[in-house]
Amino acid sequence: MLAELLDFRPADLLAYLAGALTVAVMIPQLVRTYRLKRARDVSLLTMLILVSVNFLWGTYGFCISNLPMIVTNALAFLVAIAAITLVMKYRNN
């Protein structure tokens, strides 16, 4: 299984790029929420769905031994958890 994870294919570059953009899409919301200390306009449901999606895609990536899918969804999962944390902390501000 480890050999399959480390088997790099050129198409993996596309997967890493797509994954990086998936992670990056949440960063502006994270920064804005932190700077304004307000999350009234951020949908907690959307964030919870995003965490679920990232977890499921990451798990699927693990099942099929796809390292780009595992890495990018793990990072996106962590960013989404951070966003949920900020939304919960600042939702009443």
Protein backbone atom coordinates (compact mmCIF):
# COMPACT_ATOMS: atom_id res chain seq x y z
CA MET A 1 0.00 0.00 0.00
CA LEU A 2 2.84 2.41 0.77
CA ALA A 3 4.33 1.83 -2.66
CA GLU A 4 0.97 2.71 -4.23
CA LEU A 5 0.81 5.92 -2.18
CA LEU A 6 4.28 6.97 -3.27
CA ASP A 7 3.78 6.12 -6.95
CA PHE A 8 3.76 9.61 -8.52
CA ARG A 9 1.93 10.16 -11.80
CA PRO A 10 1.95 13.39 -13.82
CA ALA A 11 -1.81 13.66 -13.38
CA ASP A 12 -1.16 13.94 -9.64
CA LEU A 13 -0.01 17.51 -10.30
CA LEU A 14 -3.56 18.36 -11.34
CA ALA A 15 -4.90 16.70 -8.23
CA TYR A 16 -2.54 18.68 -6.00
CA LEU A 17 -3.44 21.92 -7.79
CA ALA A 18 -7.17 21.26 -7.43
CA GLY A 19 -6.65 20.36 -3.80
CA ALA A 20 -4.60 23.47 -3.13
CA LEU A 21 -7.39 25.59 -4.59
CA THR A 22 -9.92 23.72 -2.45
CA VAL A 23 -7.91 24.63 0.63
CA ALA A 24 -7.28 28.20 -0.54
CA VAL A 25 -10.96 28.92 -1.15
CA MET A 26 -11.61 28.91 2.61
CA ILE A 27 -8.63 31.03 3.64
CA PRO A 28 -10.18 34.46 2.83
CA GLN A 29 -13.29 33.62 4.89
CA LEU A 30 -11.11 32.41 7.73
CA VAL A 31 -9.01 35.57 7.71
CA ARG A 32 -12.04 37.85 7.41
CA THR A 33 -13.86 36.17 10.27
CA TYR A 34 -10.78 36.35 12.47
CA ARG A 35 -10.06 40.01 11.63
CA LEU A 36 -13.65 41.21 12.07
CA LYS A 37 -14.37 38.95 15.04
CA ARG A 38 -17.81 38.41 13.50
CA ALA A 39 -19.38 35.41 11.78
CA ARG A 40 -23.04 36.34 11.63
CA ASP A 41 -23.14 36.04 7.83
CA VAL A 42 -21.27 32.73 7.62
CA SER A 43 -23.39 29.58 7.28
CA LEU A 44 -22.48 27.04 9.93
CA LEU A 45 -24.38 24.39 7.97
CA THR A 46 -22.20 25.03 4.91
CA MET A 47 -19.07 24.65 7.01
CA LEU A 48 -20.34 21.40 8.55
CA ILE A 49 -21.14 20.00 5.11
CA LEU A 50 -17.68 21.03 3.90
CA VAL A 51 -16.00 19.20 6.78
CA SER A 52 -18.07 16.11 6.03
CA VAL A 53 -17.20 16.24 2.33
CA ASN A 54 -13.49 16.64 3.05
CA PHE A 55 -13.56 13.75 5.52
CA LEU A 56 -15.36 11.49 3.06
CA TRP A 57 -13.10 12.36 0.10
CA GLY A 58 -10.02 11.90 2.27
CA THR A 59 -11.28 8.53 3.45
CA TYR A 60 -12.02 7.52 -0.13
CA GLY A 61 -8.52 8.62 -1.12
CA PHE A 62 -7.11 6.40 1.61
CA CYS A 63 -9.22 3.46 0.41
CA ILE A 64 -7.90 3.78 -3.14
CA SER A 65 -4.35 4.72 -2.06
CA ASN A 66 -4.45 8.16 -3.70
CA LEU A 67 -1.95 10.39 -1.87
CA PRO A 68 -3.00 13.69 -3.51
CA MET A 69 -6.61 13.07 -2.47
CA ILE A 70 -5.57 12.17 1.08
CA VAL A 71 -3.23 15.13 1.57
CA THR A 72 -5.39 17.83 0.03
CA ASN A 73 -8.59 16.72 1.74
CA ALA A 74 -6.82 16.41 5.10
CA LEU A 75 -5.60 20.00 4.73
CA ALA A 76 -9.02 21.20 3.59
CA PHE A 77 -10.57 19.36 6.55
CA LEU A 78 -8.27 21.18 8.98
CA VAL A 79 -9.02 24.57 7.41
CA ALA A 80 -12.76 23.86 7.57
CA ILE A 81 -12.44 22.85 11.24
CA ALA A 82 -10.66 26.15 11.91
CA ALA A 83 -13.47 27.99 10.12
CA ILE A 84 -16.11 26.19 12.18
CA THR A 85 -14.23 27.06 15.34
CA LEU A 86 -14.22 30.74 14.41
CA VAL A 87 -17.88 30.68 13.37
CA MET A 88 -18.84 29.13 16.70
CA LYS A 89 -16.69 31.62 18.61
CA TYR A 90 -17.86 34.75 16.79
CA ARG A 91 -21.39 33.87 15.63
CA ASN A 92 -23.09 36.15 18.16
CA ASN A 93 -20.85 39.18 17.54
